[in-house]
PDB file of N, CA and C in Angstrom:
ATOM      1  N   MET A   1     -14.076  -6.401  -3.599  1.00  0.00           N
ATOM      2  CA  MET A   1     -13.071  -6.679  -2.599  1.00  0.00           C
ATOM      3  C   MET A   1     -12.969  -5.509  -1.564  1.00  0.00           C
ATOM      4  N   GLU A   2     -12.981  -5.890  -0.421  1.00  0.00           N
ATOM      5  CA  GLU A   2     -12.886  -4.888   0.610  1.00  0.00           C
ATOM      6  C   GLU A   2     -11.490  -4.593   1.022  1.00  0.00           C
ATOM      7  N   PHE A   3     -11.106  -3.389   1.298  1.00  0.00           N
ATOM      8  CA  PHE A   3      -9.861  -2.953   1.697  1.00  0.00           C
ATOM      9  C   PHE A   3     -10.043  -2.067   2.960  1.00  0.00           C
ATOM     10  N   CYS A   4      -8.978  -1.973   3.825  1.00  0.00           N
ATOM     11  CA  CYS A   4      -8.994  -0.951   4.919  1.00  0.00           C
ATOM     12  C   CYS A   4      -7.599  -0.396   5.089  1.00  0.00           C
ATOM     13  N   LYS A   5      -7.494   0.729   5.563  1.00  0.00           N
ATOM     14  CA  LYS A   5      -6.271   1.528   5.643  1.00  0.00           C
ATOM     15  C   LYS A   5      -5.212   0.843   6.477  1.00  0.00           C
ATOM     16  N   GLY A   6      -3.986   0.803   5.970  1.00  0.00           N
ATOM     17  CA  GLY A   6      -2.946   0.027   6.636  1.00  0.00           C
ATOM     18  C   GLY A   6      -2.718  -1.311   6.178  1.00  0.00           C
ATOM     19  N   GLU A   7      -3.726  -1.778   5.339  1.00  0.00           N
ATOM     20  CA  GLU A   7      -3.502  -3.229   4.855  1.00  0.00           C
ATOM     21  C   GLU A   7      -2.339  -3.318   3.867  1.00  0.00           C
ATOM     22  N   LEU A   8      -1.553  -4.379   3.965  1.00  0.00           N
ATOM     23  CA  LEU A   8      -0.492  -4.572   2.986  1.00  0.00           C
ATOM     24  C   LEU A   8      -0.946  -5.394   1.864  1.00  0.00           C
ATOM     25  N   VAL A   9      -0.568  -5.018   0.592  1.00  0.00           N
ATOM     26  CA  VAL A   9      -0.936  -5.656  -0.567  1.00  0.00           C
ATOM     27  C   VAL A   9       0.364  -5.825  -1.447  1.00  0.00           C
ATOM     28  N   VAL A  10       0.323  -6.738  -2.531  1.00  0.00           N
ATOM     29  CA  VAL A  10       1.416  -6.926  -3.430  1.00  0.00           C
ATOM     30  C   VAL A  10       0.823  -6.586  -4.773  1.00  0.00           C
ATOM     31  N   CYS A  11       1.403  -5.685  -5.537  1.00  0.00           N
ATOM     32  CA  CYS A  11       0.949  -5.318  -6.870  1.00  0.00           C
ATOM     33  C   CYS A  11       1.163  -6.545  -7.751  1.00  0.00           C
ATOM     34  N   THR A  12       0.204  -6.818  -8.699  1.00  0.00           N
ATOM     35  CA  THR A  12       0.352  -7.809  -9.591  1.00  0.00           C
ATOM     36  C   THR A  12       0.410  -7.470 -11.060  1.00  0.00           C
ATOM     37  N   ALA A  13       0.429  -6.112 -11.275  1.00  0.00           N
ATOM     38  CA  ALA A  13       0.428  -5.617 -12.684  1.00  0.00           C
ATOM     39  C   ALA A  13       0.967  -4.154 -12.640  1.00  0.00           C
ATOM     40  N   GLY A  14       1.613  -3.858 -13.720  1.00  0.00           N
ATOM     41  CA  GLY A  14       2.140  -2.532 -13.939  1.00  0.00           C
ATOM     42  C   GLY A  14       3.548  -2.458 -13.588  1.00  0.00           C
ATOM     43  N   ARG A  15       4.060  -1.184 -13.420  1.00  0.00           N
ATOM     44  CA  ARG A  15       5.505  -0.931 -13.067  1.00  0.00           C
ATOM     45  C   ARG A  15       5.786  -1.462 -11.693  1.00  0.00           C
ATOM     46  N   GLU A  16       4.858  -1.384 -10.795  1.00  0.00           N
ATOM     47  CA  GLU A  16       4.991  -1.790  -9.379  1.00  0.00           C
ATOM     48  C   GLU A  16       4.808  -3.320  -9.212  1.00  0.00           C
ATOM     49  N   LYS A  17       4.829  -4.058 -10.219  1.00  0.00           N
ATOM     50  CA  LYS A  17       4.683  -5.490 -10.125  1.00  0.00           C
ATOM     51  C   LYS A  17       5.542  -6.188  -9.043  1.00  0.00           C
ATOM     52  N   GLU A  18       4.897  -6.971  -8.188  1.00  0.00           N
ATOM     53  CA  GLU A  18       5.538  -7.705  -7.137  1.00  0.00           C
ATOM     54  C   GLU A  18       6.186  -6.934  -6.108  1.00  0.00           C
ATOM     55  N   ARG A  19       5.695  -5.610  -6.022  1.00  0.00           N
ATOM     56  CA  ARG A  19       6.208  -4.647  -5.000  1.00  0.00           C
ATOM     57  C   ARG A  19       5.171  -4.593  -3.863  1.00  0.00           C
ATOM     58  N   LEU A  20       5.661  -4.646  -2.576  1.00  0.00           N
ATOM     59  CA  LEU A  20       4.812  -4.619  -1.360  1.00  0.00           C
ATOM     60  C   LEU A  20       4.475  -3.103  -1.097  1.00  0.00           C
ATOM     61  N   MET A  21       3.150  -2.859  -0.969  1.00  0.00           N
ATOM     62  CA  MET A  21       2.635  -1.470  -0.718  1.00  0.00           C
ATOM     63  C   MET A  21       1.607  -1.546   0.335  1.00  0.00           C
ATOM     64  N   CYS A  22       1.333  -0.257   0.803  1.00  0.00           N
ATOM     65  CA  CYS A  22       0.304  -0.195   1.952  1.00  0.00           C
ATOM     66  C   CYS A  22      -0.853   0.621   1.406  1.00  0.00           C
ATOM     67  N   VAL A  23      -2.144   0.239   1.746  1.00  0.00           N
ATOM     68  CA  VAL A  23      -3.380   0.853   1.285  1.00  0.00           C
ATOM     69  C   VAL A  23      -3.498   2.202   2.160  1.00  0.00           C
ATOM     70  N   MET A  24      -3.575   3.336   1.505  1.00  0.00           N
ATOM     71  CA  MET A  24      -3.749   4.566   2.248  1.00  0.00           C
ATOM     72  C   MET A  24      -5.274   4.968   2.113  1.00  0.00           C
ATOM     73  N   ALA A  25      -5.910   4.683   1.157  1.00  0.00           N
ATOM     74  CA  ALA A  25      -7.303   5.091   0.909  1.00  0.00           C
ATOM     75  C   ALA A  25      -7.826   4.155  -0.130  1.00  0.00           C
ATOM     76  N   PHE A  26      -9.253   4.267  -0.231  1.00  0.00           N
ATOM     77  CA  PHE A  26      -9.907   3.412  -1.206  1.00  0.00           C
ATOM     78  C   PHE A  26     -11.287   3.990  -1.525  1.00  0.00           C
ATOM     79  N   ASP A  27     -11.875   3.699  -2.758  1.00  0.00           N
ATOM     80  CA  ASP A  27     -13.151   4.035  -2.938  1.00  0.00           C
ATOM     81  C   ASP A  27     -13.839   2.972  -3.828  1.00  0.00           C
ATOM     82  N   GLU A  28     -14.981   3.211  -4.504  1.00  0.00           N
ATOM     83  CA  GLU A  28     -15.653   2.033  -5.196  1.00  0.00           C
ATOM     84  C   GLU A  28     -14.864   1.663  -6.444  1.00  0.00           C
ATOM     85  N   LYS A  29     -13.982   2.439  -6.905  1.00  0.00           N
ATOM     86  CA  LYS A  29     -13.191   2.105  -8.213  1.00  0.00           C
ATOM     87  C   LYS A  29     -11.882   1.811  -8.049  1.00  0.00           C
ATOM     88  N   TYR A  30     -11.127   2.536  -7.113  1.00  0.00           N
ATOM     89  CA  TYR A  30      -9.671   2.461  -7.004  1.00  0.00           C
ATOM     90  C   TYR A  30      -9.263   2.245  -5.534  1.00  0.00           C
ATOM     91  N   VAL A  31      -7.987   1.809  -5.403  1.00  0.00           N
ATOM     92  CA  VAL A  31      -7.292   1.727  -4.165  1.00  0.00           C
ATOM     93  C   VAL A  31      -6.047   2.554  -4.215  1.00  0.00           C
ATOM     94  N   TYR A  32      -5.666   3.287  -3.295  1.00  0.00           N
ATOM     95  CA  TYR A  32      -4.531   4.220  -3.391  1.00  0.00           C
ATOM     96  C   TYR A  32      -3.375   3.764  -2.447  1.00  0.00           C
ATOM     97  N   LEU A  33      -2.291   3.528  -2.993  1.00  0.00           N
ATOM     98  CA  LEU A  33      -1.180   2.716  -2.460  1.00  0.00           C
ATOM     99  C   LEU A  33       0.059   3.657  -2.274  1.00  0.00           C
ATOM    100  N   CYS A  34       0.828   3.478  -1.142  1.00  0.00           N
ATOM    101  CA  CYS A  34       2.166   4.085  -0.940  1.00  0.00           C
ATOM    102  C   CYS A  34       3.093   3.039  -0.507  1.00  0.00           C
ATOM    103  N   ASP A  35       4.392   3.355  -0.651  1.00  0.00           N
ATOM    104  CA  ASP A  35       5.448   2.548  -0.184  1.00  0.00           C
ATOM    105  C   ASP A  35       6.484   3.344   0.673  1.00  0.00           C
ATOM    106  N   GLY A  36       6.369   4.716   0.652  1.00  0.00           N
ATOM    107  CA  GLY A  36       7.262   5.649   1.384  1.00  0.00           C
ATOM    108  C   GLY A  36       8.575   5.966   0.682  1.00  0.00           C
ATOM    109  N   LYS A  37       8.848   5.284  -0.495  1.00  0.00           N
ATOM    110  CA  LYS A  37      10.072   5.437  -1.180  1.00  0.00           C
ATOM    111  C   LYS A  37       9.755   6.011  -2.630  1.00  0.00           C
ATOM    112  N   GLU A  38       9.228   5.093  -3.452  1.00  0.00           N
ATOM    113  CA  GLU A  38       8.911   5.474  -4.747  1.00  0.00           C
ATOM    114  C   GLU A  38       7.625   6.305  -4.849  1.00  0.00           C
ATOM    115  N   ARG A  39       6.602   5.912  -3.943  1.00  0.00           N
ATOM    116  CA  ARG A  39       5.256   6.576  -3.806  1.00  0.00           C
ATOM    117  C   ARG A  39       5.149   6.936  -2.421  1.00  0.00           C
ATOM    118  N   LYS A  40       5.275   8.304  -2.281  1.00  0.00           N
ATOM    119  CA  LYS A  40       5.231   8.941  -1.011  1.00  0.00           C
ATOM    120  C   LYS A  40       3.734   9.163  -0.477  1.00  0.00           C
ATOM    121  N   LEU A  41       3.545   9.614   0.678  1.00  0.00           N
ATOM    122  CA  LEU A  41       2.240   9.763   1.239  1.00  0.00           C
ATOM    123  C   LEU A  41       1.516  10.849   0.535  1.00  0.00           C
ATOM    124  N   VAL A  42       2.197  11.891   0.123  1.00  0.00           N
ATOM    125  CA  VAL A  42       1.549  13.030  -0.520  1.00  0.00           C
ATOM    126  C   VAL A  42       1.088  12.801  -1.983  1.00  0.00           C
ATOM    127  N   SER A  43       1.641  11.653  -2.633  1.00  0.00           N
ATOM    128  CA  SER A  43       1.180  11.313  -3.906  1.00  0.00           C
ATOM    129  C   SER A  43       0.877   9.865  -4.073  1.00  0.00           C
ATOM    130  N   PRO A  44      -0.118   9.241  -3.521  1.00  0.00           N
ATOM    131  CA  PRO A  44      -0.258   7.854  -3.554  1.00  0.00           C
ATOM    132  C   PRO A  44      -0.651   7.369  -5.082  1.00  0.00           C
ATOM    133  N   LYS A  45      -0.208   6.045  -5.247  1.00  0.00           N
ATOM    134  CA  LYS A  45      -0.489   5.389  -6.567  1.00  0.00           C
ATOM    135  C   LYS A  45      -1.935   5.089  -6.579  1.00  0.00           C
ATOM    136  N   ARG A  46      -2.745   5.394  -7.568  1.00  0.00           N
ATOM    137  CA  ARG A  46      -4.135   4.937  -7.805  1.00  0.00           C
ATOM    138  C   ARG A  46      -3.977   3.617  -8.644  1.00  0.00           C
ATOM    139  N   LYS A  47      -4.657   2.535  -8.056  1.00  0.00           N
ATOM    140  CA  LYS A  47      -4.567   1.277  -8.828  1.00  0.00           C
ATOM    141  C   LYS A  47      -5.928   0.624  -8.697  1.00  0.00           C
ATOM    142  N   ASN A  48      -6.229  -0.139  -9.801  1.00  0.00           N
ATOM    143  CA  ASN A  48      -7.386  -0.948  -9.862  1.00  0.00           C
ATOM    144  C   ASN A  48      -7.357  -2.135  -8.870  1.00  0.00           C
ATOM    145  N   PRO A  49      -8.252  -2.327  -8.080  1.00  0.00           N
ATOM    146  CA  PRO A  49      -8.229  -3.372  -7.125  1.00  0.00           C
ATOM    147  C   PRO A  49      -7.973  -4.862  -7.699  1.00  0.00           C
ATOM    148  N   LYS A  50      -8.366  -4.998  -9.014  1.00  0.00           N
ATOM    149  CA  LYS A  50      -7.950  -6.300  -9.670  1.00  0.00           C
ATOM    150  C   LYS A  50      -6.523  -6.491  -9.771  1.00  0.00           C
ATOM    151  N   HIS A  51      -5.719  -5.463  -9.670  1.00  0.00           N
ATOM    152  CA  HIS A  51      -4.201  -5.503  -9.917  1.00  0.00           C
ATOM    153  C   HIS A  51      -3.493  -5.556  -8.636  1.00  0.00           C
ATOM    154  N   VAL A  52      -4.112  -5.881  -7.534  1.00  0.00           N
ATOM    155  CA  VAL A  52      -3.413  -6.098  -6.221  1.00  0.00           C
ATOM    156  C   VAL A  52      -3.838  -7.362  -5.510  1.00  0.00           C
ATOM    157  N   LYS A  53      -3.022  -7.875  -4.742  1.00  0.00           N
ATOM    158  CA  LYS A  53      -3.267  -9.195  -4.028  1.00  0.00           C
ATOM    159  C   LYS A  53      -3.035  -8.796  -2.541  1.00  0.00           C
ATOM    160  N   LYS A  54      -4.053  -9.128  -1.754  1.00  0.00           N
ATOM    161  CA  LYS A  54      -3.930  -8.973  -0.281  1.00  0.00           C
ATOM    162  C   LYS A  54      -2.894  -9.985   0.341  1.00  0.00           C
ATOM    163  N   THR A  55      -2.140  -9.498   1.251  1.00  0.00           N
ATOM    164  CA  THR A  55      -1.207 -10.445   1.995  1.00  0.00           C
ATOM    165  C   THR A  55      -1.842 -10.922   3.259  1.00  0.00           C
ATOM    166  N   GLY A  56      -2.810 -10.248   3.874  1.00  0.00           N
ATOM    167  CA  GLY A  56      -3.418 -10.601   5.107  1.00  0.00           C
ATOM    168  C   GLY A  56      -2.765  -9.962   6.316  1.00  0.00           C
ATOM    169  N   GLU A  57      -1.810  -9.091   6.008  1.00  0.00           N
ATOM    170  CA  GLU A  57      -1.064  -8.390   7.018  1.00  0.00           C
ATOM    171  C   GLU A  57      -1.659  -6.973   7.117  1.00  0.00           C
ATOM    172  N   GLN A  58      -1.410  -6.286   8.239  1.00  0.00           N
ATOM    173  CA  GLN A  58      -1.908  -4.940   8.422  1.00  0.00           C
ATOM    174  C   GLN A  58      -0.987  -4.254   9.406  1.00  0.00           C
ATOM    175  N   ILE A  59      -0.730  -2.983   9.053  1.00  0.00           N
ATOM    176  CA  ILE A  59       0.156  -2.176  10.000  1.00  0.00           C
ATOM    177  C   ILE A  59      -0.672  -1.007  10.687  1.00  0.00           C
ATOM    178  N   SER A  60      -0.233  -0.665  11.821  1.00  0.00           N
ATOM    179  CA  SER A  60      -1.014   0.389  12.525  1.00  0.00           C
ATOM    180  C   SER A  60      -0.976   1.780  11.815  1.00  0.00           C
ATOM    181  N   ASP A  61      -1.930   2.613  12.322  1.00  0.00           N
ATOM    182  CA  ASP A  61      -2.070   3.953  11.709  1.00  0.00           C
ATOM    183  C   ASP A  61      -0.754   4.733  11.991  1.00  0.00           C
ATOM    184  N   ILE A  62      -0.129   4.533  13.143  1.00  0.00           N
ATOM    185  CA  ILE A  62       1.156   5.217  13.532  1.00  0.00           C
ATOM    186  C   ILE A  62       2.150   4.932  12.507  1.00  0.00           C
ATOM    187  N   MET A  63       2.189   3.649  12.073  1.00  0.00           N
ATOM    188  CA  MET A  63       3.277   3.365  11.141  1.00  0.00           C
ATOM    189  C   MET A  63       3.001   3.958   9.640  1.00  0.00           C
ATOM    190  N   CYS A  64       1.721   4.347   9.505  1.00  0.00           N
ATOM    191  CA  CYS A  64       1.329   5.013   8.170  1.00  0.00           C
ATOM    192  C   CYS A  64       1.408   6.521   8.174  1.00  0.00           C
ATOM    193  N   SER A  65       1.996   7.063   9.300  1.00  0.00           N
ATOM    194  CA  SER A  65       1.878   8.523   9.455  1.00  0.00           C
ATOM    195  C   SER A  65       2.933   9.242   8.684  1.00  0.00           C
ATOM    196  N   THR A  66       4.109   8.639   8.529  1.00  0.00           N
ATOM    197  CA  THR A  66       5.171   9.388   7.813  1.00  0.00           C
ATOM    198  C   THR A  66       5.842   8.368   6.831  1.00  0.00           C
ATOM    199  N   ASP A  67       6.479   8.896   5.869  1.00  0.00           N
ATOM    200  CA  ASP A  67       7.260   8.094   4.776  1.00  0.00           C
ATOM    201  C   ASP A  67       8.247   7.222   5.462  1.00  0.00           C
ATOM    202  N   ARG A  68       8.993   7.728   6.424  1.00  0.00           N
ATOM    203  CA  ARG A  68      10.096   7.020   7.062  1.00  0.00           C
ATOM    204  C   ARG A  68       9.546   5.846   7.881  1.00  0.00           C
ATOM    205  N   ALA A  69       8.479   6.064   8.510  1.00  0.00           N
ATOM    206  CA  ALA A  69       7.771   4.999   9.357  1.00  0.00           C
ATOM    207  C   ALA A  69       7.249   3.892   8.449  1.00  0.00           C
ATOM    208  N   LEU A  70       6.737   4.244   7.329  1.00  0.00           N
ATOM    209  CA  LEU A  70       6.106   3.347   6.432  1.00  0.00           C
ATOM    210  C   LEU A  70       7.184   2.554   5.879  1.00  0.00           C
ATOM    211  N   ARG A  71       8.344   3.082   5.365  1.00  0.00           N
ATOM    212  CA  ARG A  71       9.407   2.258   4.838  1.00  0.00           C
ATOM    213  C   ARG A  71       9.908   1.307   5.894  1.00  0.00           C
ATOM    214  N   LYS A  72       9.973   1.708   7.148  1.00  0.00           N
ATOM    215  CA  LYS A  72      10.499   0.749   8.171  1.00  0.00           C
ATOM    216  C   LYS A  72       9.636  -0.317   8.439  1.00  0.00           C
ATOM    217  N   ALA A  73       8.298  -0.051   8.407  1.00  0.00           N
ATOM    218  CA  ALA A  73       7.377  -1.106   8.470  1.00  0.00           C
ATOM    219  C   ALA A  73       7.232  -2.150   7.370  1.00  0.00           C
ATOM    220  N   LEU A  74       7.460  -1.599   6.182  1.00  0.00           N
ATOM    221  CA  LEU A  74       7.437  -2.477   5.000  1.00  0.00           C
ATOM    222  C   LEU A  74       8.750  -3.268   4.984  1.00  0.00           C
ATOM    223  N   SER A  75       9.762  -2.692   5.401  1.00  0.00           N
ATOM    224  CA  SER A  75      11.055  -3.472   5.286  1.00  0.00           C
ATOM    225  C   SER A  75      10.985  -4.665   6.340  1.00  0.00           C
ATOM    226  N   LYS A  76      10.291  -4.500   7.499  1.00  0.00           N
ATOM    227  CA  LYS A  76      10.207  -5.581   8.436  1.00  0.00           C
ATOM    228  C   LYS A  76       9.242  -6.748   7.884  1.00  0.00           C
ATOM    229  N   GLU A  77       8.382  -6.381   7.057  1.00  0.00           N
ATOM    230  CA  GLU A  77       7.412  -7.334   6.466  1.00  0.00           C
ATOM    231  C   GLU A  77       8.107  -8.183   5.445  1.00  0.00           C
ATOM    232  N   VAL A  78       9.015  -7.690   4.693  1.00  0.00           N
ATOM    233  CA  VAL A  78       9.602  -8.474   3.645  1.00  0.00           C
ATOM    234  C   VAL A  78      10.487  -9.628   4.109  1.00  0.00           C
TER     235      VAL A  78
END
């Protein structure tokens, strides 16, 4: 599964189940997610790509620059 920075996903497993989050980084094993509230930009959640579902939406890099901007962008998408 291919991801890109700023892509919005919904978690399908774990404590974050059914929570909308934004992809901050990714590698061959994990995807790193933030929501600006529970998971800030300084400590993203590492998650197995099998446990997230793509929404098809994406936000700009400017909206991913601060926790406040990220929270605002995610609240508009809900």
